[in-house]
Amino acid sequence: MSTATTTPDAGTVAGTTSGPLRGTVWLVWRRHRAALLTGILVTLAACALFSYQRIGLMDFLGGKTADPESLQEEFRNRFAGAFQADIQFLQAVPLIVAAFLGAPLISSELERGTLQLVTTQSVSRGRWLASTLAVPLTLVAACTVLLSLVFQWLWSPAHELVVSGDWLNSGPFDITGPVLVAKTLFLTACGIALGKLIKRMIPAMLATAFTVVVVNVIWGDKVLPKLGTLHDVTHPINGDSPGVPRGAVQMDDWVATADGRLFGFSTCVHDAHPDACRAAKGIVNHVTQYYDFDQMPGMQWLGAGILLALTALVLAFVVWRARRRPL
């Protein structure tokens, strides 16, 4: 959150400040340096922690060739709490950044009236807007890329053990690869847009937090299940199941006819004569649907592409609104 209260003079805004940061870039950094520095320091601390945790994890995994199921209990006792805390922290990053950086970015300037002073000096509205968006979003992208890469480096050797191997529904999908970066940028852009519309910092932050919750629900319930194509494992209804491949995430169970028509898994279960009921419907197979672990990168890039496209649309709206409407 921006905490600086000093008012820039014309010379400062025009770019007379010495050092690597000049003009409006320096101004944006100066105005929001508390939030930006905090983000950088937290990122470095988290990456150091992930690196330290990997030392213990690799020591645990070294020389062990047993099936993940036999290692699960020992892994849970030693590492489950740490991984759960890591996942919860990274899942909270988009909310924290959107609410405490994105929402105040423009709304705080509008609420305090400093923006009118800046744009009446030797700085055009377009130049101010470009710097205001570019500086924090670049740092957000850099920090989330680093967090995602280092956590994936930690998680990958034990991906079949962390959260029982559920990489899709229990967190790893959203905090590794490009998804953490894209989701954070999108929600931060939403926070910036809400700040521009509401023009008051605290209400904008609350509205942004609510938006993050809504987006996460839609993302988890409506978007994630459609990012990949489900695979099937089919076997006779009274036969032994071959199971899903290692690393796969099981999504649903069905019963099916010989020609592939699906029925709910509990079909005929509570009937007085289950076998006769299934025979009447032609049910002969049990079908398990799953996403294979190899599908994860493609699904992540597809989801990230959707989020980045939405980010571009939201930022385009912010630019249009700022250039066409009074500040």
C-alpha atoms as a PDB file:
ATOM      1  CA  MET A   1       0.000   0.000   0.000  1.00  0.00           C
ATOM      2  CA  SER A   2       1.285   3.421  -0.851  1.00  0.00           C
ATOM      3  CA  THR A   3       2.277   5.369   2.250  1.00  0.00           C
ATOM      4  CA  ALA A   4       4.314   8.269   0.862  1.00  0.00           C
ATOM      5  CA  THR A   5       2.794  11.695   1.514  1.00  0.00           C
ATOM      6  CA  THR A   6       5.355  14.062   0.042  1.00  0.00           C
ATOM      7  CA  THR A   7       4.239  16.128  -2.937  1.00  0.00           C
ATOM      8  CA  PRO A   8       6.597  16.126  -5.931  1.00  0.00           C
ATOM      9  CA  ASP A   9       7.746  19.418  -7.358  1.00  0.00           C
ATOM     10  CA  ALA A  10       7.947  20.220 -11.061  1.00  0.00           C
ATOM     11  CA  GLY A  11      11.674  19.566 -11.350  1.00  0.00           C
ATOM     12  CA  THR A  12      11.352  16.119  -9.790  1.00  0.00           C
ATOM     13  CA  VAL A  13       8.482  15.122 -12.036  1.00  0.00           C
ATOM     14  CA  ALA A  14      10.267  16.408 -15.106  1.00  0.00           C
ATOM     15  CA  GLY A  15      13.095  13.962 -14.482  1.00  0.00           C
ATOM     16  CA  THR A  16      15.903  15.944 -12.880  1.00  0.00           C
ATOM     17  CA  THR A  17      16.384  13.341 -10.160  1.00  0.00           C
ATOM     18  CA  SER A  18      19.762  11.656 -10.371  1.00  0.00           C
ATOM     19  CA  GLY A  19      20.233   7.887 -10.347  1.00  0.00           C
ATOM     20  CA  PRO A  20      18.897   5.006 -12.445  1.00  0.00           C
ATOM     21  CA  LEU A  21      15.251   6.001 -11.944  1.00  0.00           C
ATOM     22  CA  ARG A  22      14.157   9.266 -13.506  1.00  0.00           C
ATOM     23  CA  GLY A  23      11.017  11.233 -14.226  1.00  0.00           C
ATOM     24  CA  THR A  24       7.689   9.521 -13.817  1.00  0.00           C
ATOM     25  CA  VAL A  25       9.340   6.131 -13.225  1.00  0.00           C
ATOM     26  CA  TRP A  26      11.093   7.562 -10.171  1.00  0.00           C
ATOM     27  CA  LEU A  27       7.864   9.256  -9.105  1.00  0.00           C
ATOM     28  CA  VAL A  28       5.850   6.010  -9.229  1.00  0.00           C
ATOM     29  CA  TRP A  29       8.589   4.210  -7.320  1.00  0.00           C
ATOM     30  CA  ARG A  30       8.724   6.999  -4.723  1.00  0.00           C
ATOM     31  CA  ARG A  31       4.972   7.060  -4.221  1.00  0.00           C
ATOM     32  CA  HIS A  32       4.599   3.278  -3.865  1.00  0.00           C
ATOM     33  CA  ARG A  33       8.030   2.234  -2.668  1.00  0.00           C
ATOM     34  CA  ALA A  34       6.770   0.756   0.618  1.00  0.00           C
ATOM     35  CA  ALA A  35       4.542  -1.782  -1.143  1.00  0.00           C
ATOM     36  CA  LEU A  36       7.046  -2.490  -3.911  1.00  0.00           C
ATOM     37  CA  LEU A  37       9.996  -2.979  -1.549  1.00  0.00           C
ATOM     38  CA  THR A  38       7.893  -5.182   0.713  1.00  0.00           C
ATOM     39  CA  GLY A  39       6.965  -7.352  -2.255  1.00  0.00           C
ATOM     40  CA  ILE A  40      10.594  -7.713  -3.327  1.00  0.00           C
ATOM     41  CA  LEU A  41      11.785  -8.605   0.169  1.00  0.00           C
ATOM     42  CA  VAL A  42       8.973 -11.103   0.765  1.00  0.00           C
ATOM     43  CA  THR A  43       9.716 -12.728  -2.591  1.00  0.00           C
ATOM     44  CA  LEU A  44      13.401 -13.126  -1.773  1.00  0.00           C
ATOM     45  CA  ALA A  45      12.620 -14.487   1.704  1.00  0.00           C
ATOM     46  CA  ALA A  46      10.103 -16.998   0.339  1.00  0.00           C
ATOM     47  CA  CYS A  47      12.513 -18.186  -2.344  1.00  0.00           C
ATOM     48  CA  ALA A  48      15.226 -18.642   0.277  1.00  0.00           C
ATOM     49  CA  LEU A  49      12.804 -20.683   2.395  1.00  0.00           C
ATOM     50  CA  PHE A  50      11.785 -22.865  -0.558  1.00  0.00           C
ATOM     51  CA  SER A  51      15.444 -23.487  -1.363  1.00  0.00           C
ATOM     52  CA  TYR A  52      16.151 -24.474   2.239  1.00  0.00           C
ATOM     53  CA  GLN A  53      13.143 -26.814   2.296  1.00  0.00           C
ATOM     54  CA  ARG A  54      14.373 -28.522  -0.858  1.00  0.00           C
ATOM     55  CA  ILE A  55      17.583 -29.560   0.903  1.00  0.00           C
ATOM     56  CA  GLY A  56      15.589 -31.529   3.482  1.00  0.00           C
ATOM     57  CA  LEU A  57      13.212 -32.894   0.849  1.00  0.00           C
ATOM     58  CA  MET A  58      15.975 -34.223  -1.385  1.00  0.00           C
ATOM     59  CA  ASP A  59      17.670 -35.777   1.640  1.00  0.00           C
ATOM     60  CA  PHE A  60      14.379 -37.545   2.431  1.00  0.00           C
ATOM     61  CA  LEU A  61      13.849 -38.719  -1.147  1.00  0.00           C
ATOM     62  CA  GLY A  62      17.462 -39.730  -1.784  1.00  0.00           C
ATOM     63  CA  GLY A  63      17.890 -43.434  -2.344  1.00  0.00           C
ATOM     64  CA  LYS A  64      14.192 -44.223  -1.823  1.00  0.00           C
ATOM     65  CA  THR A  65      12.628 -46.150  -4.689  1.00  0.00           C
ATOM     66  CA  ALA A  66       9.458 -47.340  -3.003  1.00  0.00           C
ATOM     67  CA  ASP A  67       6.056 -46.610  -4.459  1.00  0.00           C
ATOM     68  CA  PRO A  68       4.654 -43.185  -3.436  1.00  0.00           C
ATOM     69  CA  GLU A  69       1.807 -44.863  -1.567  1.00  0.00           C
ATOM     70  CA  SER A  70       4.265 -46.489   0.838  1.00  0.00           C
ATOM     71  CA  LEU A  71       6.076 -43.176   1.376  1.00  0.00           C
ATOM     72  CA  GLN A  72       2.923 -41.113   1.844  1.00  0.00           C
ATOM     73  CA  GLU A  73       2.580 -41.497   5.600  1.00  0.00           C
ATOM     74  CA  GLU A  74       6.225 -40.718   6.334  1.00  0.00           C
ATOM     75  CA  PHE A  75       6.134 -37.760   3.947  1.00  0.00           C
ATOM     76  CA  ARG A  76       2.938 -36.458   5.548  1.00  0.00           C
ATOM     77  CA  ASN A  77       4.491 -36.546   9.003  1.00  0.00           C
ATOM     78  CA  ARG A  78       7.640 -34.689   7.947  1.00  0.00           C
ATOM     79  CA  PHE A  79       6.634 -32.292   5.166  1.00  0.00           C
ATOM     80  CA  ALA A  80       2.860 -31.970   4.822  1.00  0.00           C
ATOM     81  CA  GLY A  81       2.580 -28.977   7.161  1.00  0.00           C
ATOM     82  CA  ALA A  82       5.389 -27.058   5.458  1.00  0.00           C
ATOM     83  CA  PHE A  83       4.034 -27.671   1.958  1.00  0.00           C
ATOM     84  CA  GLN A  84       0.519 -26.737   3.032  1.00  0.00           C
ATOM     85  CA  ALA A  85       1.802 -23.438   4.439  1.00  0.00           C
ATOM     86  CA  ASP A  86       3.766 -22.777   1.228  1.00  0.00           C
ATOM     87  CA  ILE A  87       0.729 -23.465  -0.937  1.00  0.00           C
ATOM     88  CA  GLN A  88      -1.564 -21.276   1.163  1.00  0.00           C
ATOM     89  CA  PHE A  89       0.935 -18.419   1.043  1.00  0.00           C
ATOM     90  CA  LEU A  90       1.290 -18.589  -2.740  1.00  0.00           C
ATOM     91  CA  GLN A  91      -2.474 -18.894  -3.205  1.00  0.00           C
ATOM     92  CA  ALA A  92      -2.845 -15.680  -1.188  1.00  0.00           C
ATOM     93  CA  VAL A  93      -0.322 -13.753  -3.302  1.00  0.00           C
ATOM     94  CA  PRO A  94      -2.826 -12.629  -5.993  1.00  0.00           C
ATOM     95  CA  LEU A  95      -5.232 -11.361  -3.316  1.00  0.00           C
ATOM     96  CA  ILE A  96      -2.526  -9.502  -1.398  1.00  0.00           C
ATOM     97  CA  VAL A  97      -1.024  -7.891  -4.485  1.00  0.00           C
ATOM     98  CA  ALA A  98      -4.380  -6.958  -6.014  1.00  0.00           C
ATOM     99  CA  ALA A  99      -5.794  -5.467  -2.805  1.00  0.00           C
ATOM    100  CA  PHE A 100      -2.706  -3.767  -1.377  1.00  0.00           C
ATOM    101  CA  LEU A 101      -0.958  -2.677  -4.572  1.00  0.00           C
ATOM    102  CA  GLY A 102      -3.432  -2.714  -7.440  1.00  0.00           C
ATOM    103  CA  ALA A 103      -6.417  -1.087  -5.748  1.00  0.00           C
ATOM    104  CA  PRO A 104      -4.494   1.838  -4.148  1.00  0.00           C
ATOM    105  CA  LEU A 105      -2.338   2.479  -7.224  1.00  0.00           C
ATOM    106  CA  ILE A 106      -4.635   5.092  -8.769  1.00  0.00           C
ATOM    107  CA  SER A 107      -7.352   5.434  -6.145  1.00  0.00           C
ATOM    108  CA  SER A 108      -4.928   6.774  -3.527  1.00  0.00           C
ATOM    109  CA  GLU A 109      -3.709   9.467  -5.936  1.00  0.00           C
ATOM    110  CA  LEU A 110      -7.270  10.442  -6.825  1.00  0.00           C
ATOM    111  CA  GLU A 111      -8.375  10.498  -3.190  1.00  0.00           C
ATOM    112  CA  ARG A 112      -5.459  12.680  -2.043  1.00  0.00           C
ATOM    113  CA  GLY A 113      -5.569  14.963  -5.050  1.00  0.00           C
ATOM    114  CA  THR A 114      -1.859  14.518  -5.861  1.00  0.00           C
ATOM    115  CA  LEU A 115      -2.619  13.291  -9.368  1.00  0.00           C
ATOM    116  CA  GLN A 116      -4.039  16.615 -10.470  1.00  0.00           C
ATOM    117  CA  LEU A 117      -0.859  18.338  -9.269  1.00  0.00           C
ATOM    118  CA  VAL A 118       1.395  15.951 -11.178  1.00  0.00           C
ATOM    119  CA  THR A 119      -0.486  16.239 -14.452  1.00  0.00           C
ATOM    120  CA  THR A 120      -0.636  20.057 -14.315  1.00  0.00           C
ATOM    121  CA  GLN A 121       3.165  20.203 -14.302  1.00  0.00           C
ATOM    122  CA  SER A 122       5.471  19.056 -17.101  1.00  0.00           C
ATOM    123  CA  VAL A 123       4.031  15.520 -17.306  1.00  0.00           C
ATOM    124  CA  SER A 124       1.375  14.410 -19.750  1.00  0.00           C
ATOM    125  CA  ARG A 125      -1.448  12.180 -18.629  1.00  0.00           C
ATOM    126  CA  GLY A 126      -0.305   9.427 -21.015  1.00  0.00           C
ATOM    127  CA  ARG A 127       3.261   9.493 -19.679  1.00  0.00           C
ATOM    128  CA  TRP A 128       2.080   9.335 -16.096  1.00  0.00           C
ATOM    129  CA  LEU A 129      -0.315   6.485 -16.880  1.00  0.00           C
ATOM    130  CA  ALA A 130       2.329   4.447 -18.719  1.00  0.00           C
ATOM    131  CA  SER A 131       4.739   4.664 -15.801  1.00  0.00           C
ATOM    132  CA  THR A 132       2.028   4.064 -13.215  1.00  0.00           C
ATOM    133  CA  LEU A 133       1.040   0.802 -14.885  1.00  0.00           C
ATOM    134  CA  ALA A 134       4.430  -0.370 -16.137  1.00  0.00           C
ATOM    135  CA  VAL A 135       6.532  -0.054 -12.977  1.00  0.00           C
ATOM    136  CA  PRO A 136       4.380  -2.058 -10.524  1.00  0.00           C
ATOM    137  CA  LEU A 137       3.163  -4.604 -13.085  1.00  0.00           C
ATOM    138  CA  THR A 138       6.727  -5.307 -14.203  1.00  0.00           C
ATOM    139  CA  LEU A 139       7.796  -5.897 -10.603  1.00  0.00           C
ATOM    140  CA  VAL A 140       4.722  -8.044  -9.963  1.00  0.00           C
ATOM    141  CA  ALA A 141       5.537 -10.171 -13.009  1.00  0.00           C
ATOM    142  CA  ALA A 142       9.186 -10.539 -12.016  1.00  0.00           C
ATOM    143  CA  CYS A 143       8.396 -11.489  -8.405  1.00  0.00           C
ATOM    144  CA  THR A 144       5.674 -13.999  -9.274  1.00  0.00           C
ATOM    145  CA  VAL A 145       7.837 -15.606 -11.985  1.00  0.00           C
ATOM    146  CA  LEU A 146      10.565 -16.106  -9.392  1.00  0.00           C
ATOM    147  CA  LEU A 147       8.158 -17.467  -6.771  1.00  0.00           C
ATOM    148  CA  SER A 148       6.580 -19.851  -9.258  1.00  0.00           C
ATOM    149  CA  LEU A 149       9.894 -21.171 -10.582  1.00  0.00           C
ATOM    150  CA  VAL A 150      11.479 -21.728  -7.188  1.00  0.00           C
ATOM    151  CA  PHE A 151       8.405 -23.398  -5.702  1.00  0.00           C
ATOM    152  CA  GLN A 152       8.079 -25.647  -8.754  1.00  0.00           C
ATOM    153  CA  TRP A 153      11.735 -26.588  -8.255  1.00  0.00           C
ATOM    154  CA  LEU A 154      10.831 -27.583  -4.697  1.00  0.00           C
ATOM    155  CA  TRP A 155       7.550 -29.330  -5.546  1.00  0.00           C
ATOM    156  CA  SER A 156       8.456 -31.286  -8.697  1.00  0.00           C
ATOM    157  CA  PRO A 157      10.557 -34.082  -7.077  1.00  0.00           C
ATOM    158  CA  ALA A 158       7.692 -34.892  -4.708  1.00  0.00           C
ATOM    159  CA  HIS A 159       4.670 -33.992  -6.830  1.00  0.00           C
ATOM    160  CA  GLU A 160       3.133 -37.440  -6.283  1.00  0.00           C
ATOM    161  CA  LEU A 161       3.325 -36.957  -2.509  1.00  0.00           C
ATOM    162  CA  VAL A 162       2.406 -33.297  -1.978  1.00  0.00           C
ATOM    163  CA  VAL A 163      -1.341 -32.967  -1.182  1.00  0.00           C
ATOM    164  CA  SER A 164      -1.611 -36.684  -2.074  1.00  0.00           C
ATOM    165  CA  GLY A 165      -0.641 -35.927  -5.657  1.00  0.00           C
ATOM    166  CA  ASP A 166      -3.695 -33.764  -6.405  1.00  0.00           C
ATOM    167  CA  TRP A 167      -1.948 -31.132  -8.530  1.00  0.00           C
ATOM    168  CA  LEU A 168      -5.180 -29.805 -10.059  1.00  0.00           C
ATOM    169  CA  ASN A 169      -7.593 -29.125  -7.200  1.00  0.00           C
ATOM    170  CA  SER A 170      -5.327 -28.636  -4.195  1.00  0.00           C
ATOM    171  CA  GLY A 171      -3.119 -25.732  -5.244  1.00  0.00           C
ATOM    172  CA  PRO A 172      -0.043 -26.703  -7.292  1.00  0.00           C
ATOM    173  CA  PHE A 173      -1.741 -26.002 -10.627  1.00  0.00           C
ATOM    174  CA  ASP A 174      -2.392 -22.371  -9.674  1.00  0.00           C
ATOM    175  CA  ILE A 175       0.997 -21.611  -8.124  1.00  0.00           C
ATOM    176  CA  THR A 176       3.437 -23.212 -10.556  1.00  0.00           C
ATOM    177  CA  GLY A 177       4.214 -22.540 -14.195  1.00  0.00           C
ATOM    178  CA  PRO A 178       2.664 -19.429 -15.748  1.00  0.00           C
ATOM    179  CA  VAL A 179      -0.644 -19.502 -13.843  1.00  0.00           C
ATOM    180  CA  LEU A 180       0.529 -17.696 -10.689  1.00  0.00           C
ATOM    181  CA  VAL A 181       1.994 -14.896 -12.823  1.00  0.00           C
ATOM    182  CA  ALA A 182      -1.055 -14.558 -15.069  1.00  0.00           C
ATOM    183  CA  LYS A 183      -3.608 -14.731 -12.257  1.00  0.00           C
ATOM    184  CA  THR A 184      -1.740 -12.149 -10.162  1.00  0.00           C
ATOM    185  CA  LEU A 185      -1.445  -9.759 -13.111  1.00  0.00           C
ATOM    186  CA  PHE A 186      -5.115 -10.167 -13.986  1.00  0.00           C
ATOM    187  CA  LEU A 187      -6.378  -9.583 -10.450  1.00  0.00           C
ATOM    188  CA  THR A 188      -3.982  -6.658  -9.972  1.00  0.00           C
ATOM    189  CA  ALA A 189      -5.333  -5.127 -13.175  1.00  0.00           C
ATOM    190  CA  CYS A 190      -8.863  -5.620 -11.799  1.00  0.00           C
ATOM    191  CA  GLY A 191      -7.775  -3.832  -8.612  1.00  0.00           C
ATOM    192  CA  ILE A 192      -6.370  -0.931 -10.635  1.00  0.00           C
ATOM    193  CA  ALA A 193      -9.594  -0.674 -12.644  1.00  0.00           C
ATOM    194  CA  LEU A 194     -11.753  -0.735  -9.516  1.00  0.00           C
ATOM    195  CA  GLY A 195      -9.552   1.940  -7.949  1.00  0.00           C
ATOM    196  CA  LYS A 196      -9.991   4.123 -11.025  1.00  0.00           C
ATOM    197  CA  LEU A 197     -13.763   3.675 -10.935  1.00  0.00           C
ATOM    198  CA  ILE A 198     -14.323   3.989  -7.178  1.00  0.00           C
ATOM    199  CA  LYS A 199     -11.670   6.703  -6.575  1.00  0.00           C
ATOM    200  CA  ARG A 200     -11.417   5.910  -2.858  1.00  0.00           C
ATOM    201  CA  MET A 201      -8.712   3.622  -1.564  1.00  0.00           C
ATOM    202  CA  ILE A 202     -10.401   1.588   1.196  1.00  0.00           C
ATOM    203  CA  PRO A 203     -13.626   0.879  -0.735  1.00  0.00           C
ATOM    204  CA  ALA A 204     -11.529  -0.039  -3.767  1.00  0.00           C
ATOM    205  CA  MET A 205      -9.487  -2.488  -1.691  1.00  0.00           C
ATOM    206  CA  LEU A 206     -12.629  -4.119  -0.299  1.00  0.00           C
ATOM    207  CA  ALA A 207     -14.182  -4.357  -3.758  1.00  0.00           C
ATOM    208  CA  THR A 208     -10.971  -5.903  -5.073  1.00  0.00           C
ATOM    209  CA  ALA A 209     -10.904  -8.519  -2.313  1.00  0.00           C
ATOM    210  CA  PHE A 210     -14.506  -9.459  -3.139  1.00  0.00           C
ATOM    211  CA  THR A 211     -13.619  -9.656  -6.842  1.00  0.00           C
ATOM    212  CA  VAL A 212     -10.694 -11.989  -6.081  1.00  0.00           C
ATOM    213  CA  VAL A 213     -13.015 -14.365  -4.206  1.00  0.00           C
ATOM    214  CA  VAL A 214     -15.537 -14.381  -7.075  1.00  0.00           C
ATOM    215  CA  VAL A 215     -12.840 -14.913  -9.705  1.00  0.00           C
ATOM    216  CA  ASN A 216     -11.335 -17.811  -7.725  1.00  0.00           C
ATOM    217  CA  VAL A 217     -14.726 -19.522  -7.481  1.00  0.00           C
ATOM    218  CA  ILE A 218     -15.398 -19.138 -11.210  1.00  0.00           C
ATOM    219  CA  TRP A 219     -11.851 -20.204 -12.047  1.00  0.00           C
ATOM    220  CA  GLY A 220     -12.032 -23.355  -9.932  1.00  0.00           C
ATOM    221  CA  ASP A 221     -15.584 -24.415 -10.781  1.00  0.00           C
ATOM    222  CA  LYS A 222     -16.007 -23.354 -14.402  1.00  0.00           C
ATOM    223  CA  VAL A 223     -12.621 -22.824 -16.038  1.00  0.00           C
ATOM    224  CA  LEU A 224     -10.221 -25.434 -14.647  1.00  0.00           C
ATOM    225  CA  PRO A 225     -12.307 -28.488 -15.617  1.00  0.00           C
ATOM    226  CA  LYS A 226     -12.426 -27.275 -19.247  1.00  0.00           C
ATOM    227  CA  LEU A 227      -8.729 -26.606 -19.796  1.00  0.00           C
ATOM    228  CA  GLY A 228      -7.953 -30.197 -20.761  1.00  0.00           C
ATOM    229  CA  THR A 229      -9.549 -33.318 -22.211  1.00  0.00           C
ATOM    230  CA  LEU A 230     -10.456 -36.046 -19.750  1.00  0.00           C
ATOM    231  CA  HIS A 231      -9.001 -39.513 -20.283  1.00  0.00           C
ATOM    232  CA  ASP A 232     -10.969 -42.678 -19.507  1.00  0.00           C
ATOM    233  CA  VAL A 233     -10.140 -45.988 -17.875  1.00  0.00           C
ATOM    234  CA  THR A 234     -12.859 -48.544 -18.641  1.00  0.00           C
ATOM    235  CA  HIS A 235     -13.234 -52.008 -17.131  1.00  0.00           C
ATOM    236  CA  PRO A 236     -16.073 -54.507 -16.529  1.00  0.00           C
ATOM    237  CA  ILE A 237     -18.303 -53.407 -13.697  1.00  0.00           C
ATOM    238  CA  ASN A 238     -17.559 -56.500 -11.639  1.00  0.00           C
ATOM    239  CA  GLY A 239     -13.910 -56.739 -12.663  1.00  0.00           C
ATOM    240  CA  ASP A 240     -10.717 -55.347 -11.185  1.00  0.00           C
ATOM    241  CA  SER A 241      -9.834 -51.759 -12.042  1.00  0.00           C
ATOM    242  CA  PRO A 242      -6.427 -51.172 -13.650  1.00  0.00           C
ATOM    243  CA  GLY A 243      -6.341 -47.784 -11.904  1.00  0.00           C
ATOM    244  CA  VAL A 244      -5.281 -44.426 -13.296  1.00  0.00           C
ATOM    245  CA  PRO A 245      -1.654 -43.735 -14.277  1.00  0.00           C
ATOM    246  CA  ARG A 246       0.783 -42.509 -11.634  1.00  0.00           C
ATOM    247  CA  GLY A 247       0.607 -38.778 -11.132  1.00  0.00           C
ATOM    248  CA  ALA A 248      -2.876 -38.522 -12.626  1.00  0.00           C
ATOM    249  CA  VAL A 249      -5.744 -36.693 -10.940  1.00  0.00           C
ATOM    250  CA  GLN A 250      -8.943 -38.722 -10.789  1.00  0.00           C
ATOM    251  CA  MET A 251     -11.965 -36.551 -11.568  1.00  0.00           C
ATOM    252  CA  ASP A 252     -15.086 -38.731 -11.691  1.00  0.00           C
ATOM    253  CA  ASP A 253     -16.473 -42.273 -11.733  1.00  0.00           C
ATOM    254  CA  TRP A 254     -19.323 -43.492 -13.931  1.00  0.00           C
ATOM    255  CA  VAL A 255     -21.047 -46.659 -14.985  1.00  0.00           C
ATOM    256  CA  ALA A 256     -21.571 -47.119 -18.701  1.00  0.00           C
ATOM    257  CA  THR A 257     -23.183 -49.227 -21.385  1.00  0.00           C
ATOM    258  CA  ALA A 258     -21.158 -51.172 -23.935  1.00  0.00           C
ATOM    259  CA  ASP A 259     -21.578 -48.332 -26.448  1.00  0.00           C
ATOM    260  CA  GLY A 260     -20.213 -45.757 -23.963  1.00  0.00           C
ATOM    261  CA  ARG A 261     -23.415 -44.159 -22.652  1.00  0.00           C
ATOM    262  CA  LEU A 262     -22.625 -42.850 -19.133  1.00  0.00           C
ATOM    263  CA  PHE A 263     -24.754 -43.042 -15.994  1.00  0.00           C
ATOM    264  CA  GLY A 264     -24.063 -41.725 -12.505  1.00  0.00           C
ATOM    265  CA  PHE A 265     -21.911 -44.041 -10.402  1.00  0.00           C
ATOM    266  CA  SER A 266     -24.744 -44.673  -7.932  1.00  0.00           C
ATOM    267  CA  THR A 267     -27.202 -45.730 -10.654  1.00  0.00           C
ATOM    268  CA  CYS A 268     -29.111 -48.854  -9.520  1.00  0.00           C
ATOM    269  CA  VAL A 269     -27.106 -49.056  -6.283  1.00  0.00           C
ATOM    270  CA  HIS A 270     -30.183 -48.526  -4.106  1.00  0.00           C
ATOM    271  CA  ASP A 271     -32.518 -50.545  -6.304  1.00  0.00           C
ATOM    272  CA  ALA A 272     -34.054 -53.675  -4.797  1.00  0.00           C
ATOM    273  CA  HIS A 273     -32.389 -55.725  -7.561  1.00  0.00           C
ATOM    274  CA  PRO A 274     -29.242 -53.855  -8.655  1.00  0.00           C
ATOM    275  CA  ASP A 275     -28.070 -56.461 -11.166  1.00  0.00           C
ATOM    276  CA  ALA A 276     -31.442 -56.593 -12.877  1.00  0.00           C
ATOM    277  CA  CYS A 277     -31.613 -52.802 -12.922  1.00  0.00           C
ATOM    278  CA  ARG A 278     -28.184 -52.534 -14.560  1.00  0.00           C
ATOM    279  CA  ALA A 279     -29.063 -55.267 -17.060  1.00  0.00           C
ATOM    280  CA  ALA A 280     -32.231 -53.410 -18.031  1.00  0.00           C
ATOM    281  CA  LYS A 281     -30.229 -50.265 -18.721  1.00  0.00           C
ATOM    282  CA  GLY A 282     -27.438 -52.131 -20.466  1.00  0.00           C
ATOM    283  CA  ILE A 283     -24.815 -51.092 -17.897  1.00  0.00           C
ATOM    284  CA  VAL A 284     -21.761 -53.319 -18.137  1.00  0.00           C
ATOM    285  CA  ASN A 285     -18.713 -51.110 -17.511  1.00  0.00           C
ATOM    286  CA  HIS A 286     -17.151 -48.909 -14.865  1.00  0.00           C
ATOM    287  CA  VAL A 287     -15.504 -45.739 -16.238  1.00  0.00           C
ATOM    288  CA  THR A 288     -12.971 -43.594 -14.364  1.00  0.00           C
ATOM    289  CA  GLN A 289     -12.119 -40.171 -15.822  1.00  0.00           C
ATOM    290  CA  TYR A 290      -8.826 -38.452 -15.061  1.00  0.00           C
ATOM    291  CA  TYR A 291      -6.293 -35.845 -16.133  1.00  0.00           C
ATOM    292  CA  ASP A 292      -2.814 -37.189 -16.753  1.00  0.00           C
ATOM    293  CA  PHE A 293       0.159 -35.395 -15.209  1.00  0.00           C
ATOM    294  CA  ASP A 294       1.596 -34.812 -18.685  1.00  0.00           C
ATOM    295  CA  GLN A 295      -1.429 -32.615 -19.446  1.00  0.00           C
ATOM    296  CA  MET A 296      -0.576 -30.146 -16.703  1.00  0.00           C
ATOM    297  CA  PRO A 297       1.786 -27.801 -18.657  1.00  0.00           C
ATOM    298  CA  GLY A 298      -0.599 -27.480 -21.620  1.00  0.00           C
ATOM    299  CA  MET A 299      -3.555 -26.800 -19.345  1.00  0.00           C
ATOM    300  CA  GLN A 300      -1.532 -24.200 -17.431  1.00  0.00           C
ATOM    301  CA  TRP A 301      -0.485 -22.322 -20.558  1.00  0.00           C
ATOM    302  CA  LEU A 302      -4.030 -22.343 -21.897  1.00  0.00           C
ATOM    303  CA  GLY A 303      -5.377 -20.989 -18.610  1.00  0.00           C
ATOM    304  CA  ALA A 304      -2.578 -18.407 -18.382  1.00  0.00           C
ATOM    305  CA  GLY A 305      -3.298 -17.283 -21.935  1.00  0.00           C
ATOM    306  CA  ILE A 306      -6.937 -16.672 -21.050  1.00  0.00           C
ATOM    307  CA  LEU A 307      -5.964 -14.703 -17.948  1.00  0.00           C
ATOM    308  CA  LEU A 308      -3.373 -12.606 -19.800  1.00  0.00           C
ATOM    309  CA  ALA A 309      -5.875 -11.790 -22.541  1.00  0.00           C
ATOM    310  CA  LEU A 310      -8.336 -10.633 -19.894  1.00  0.00           C
ATOM    311  CA  THR A 311      -5.540  -8.629 -18.249  1.00  0.00           C
ATOM    312  CA  ALA A 312      -4.906  -6.805 -21.526  1.00  0.00           C
ATOM    313  CA  LEU A 313      -8.614  -6.010 -21.839  1.00  0.00           C
ATOM    314  CA  VAL A 314      -8.846  -4.648 -18.307  1.00  0.00           C
ATOM    315  CA  LEU A 315      -5.724  -2.496 -18.728  1.00  0.00           C
ATOM    316  CA  ALA A 316      -7.042  -1.215 -22.055  1.00  0.00           C
ATOM    317  CA  PHE A 317     -10.191  -0.152 -20.234  1.00  0.00           C
ATOM    318  CA  VAL A 318      -8.122   1.616 -17.568  1.00  0.00           C
ATOM    319  CA  VAL A 319      -6.160   3.495 -20.239  1.00  0.00           C
ATOM    320  CA  TRP A 320      -9.321   4.431 -22.133  1.00  0.00           C
ATOM    321  CA  ARG A 321     -11.062   5.582 -18.973  1.00  0.00           C
ATOM    322  CA  ALA A 322      -8.078   7.623 -17.791  1.00  0.00           C
ATOM    323  CA  ARG A 323      -7.609   9.342 -21.131  1.00  0.00           C
ATOM    324  CA  ARG A 324     -11.283  10.061 -21.820  1.00  0.00           C
ATOM    325  CA  ARG A 325     -12.618  10.955 -18.400  1.00  0.00           C
ATOM    326  CA  PRO A 326     -11.587  13.670 -15.915  1.00  0.00           C
ATOM    327  CA  LEU A 327      -9.102  12.591 -13.269  1.00  0.00           C
END
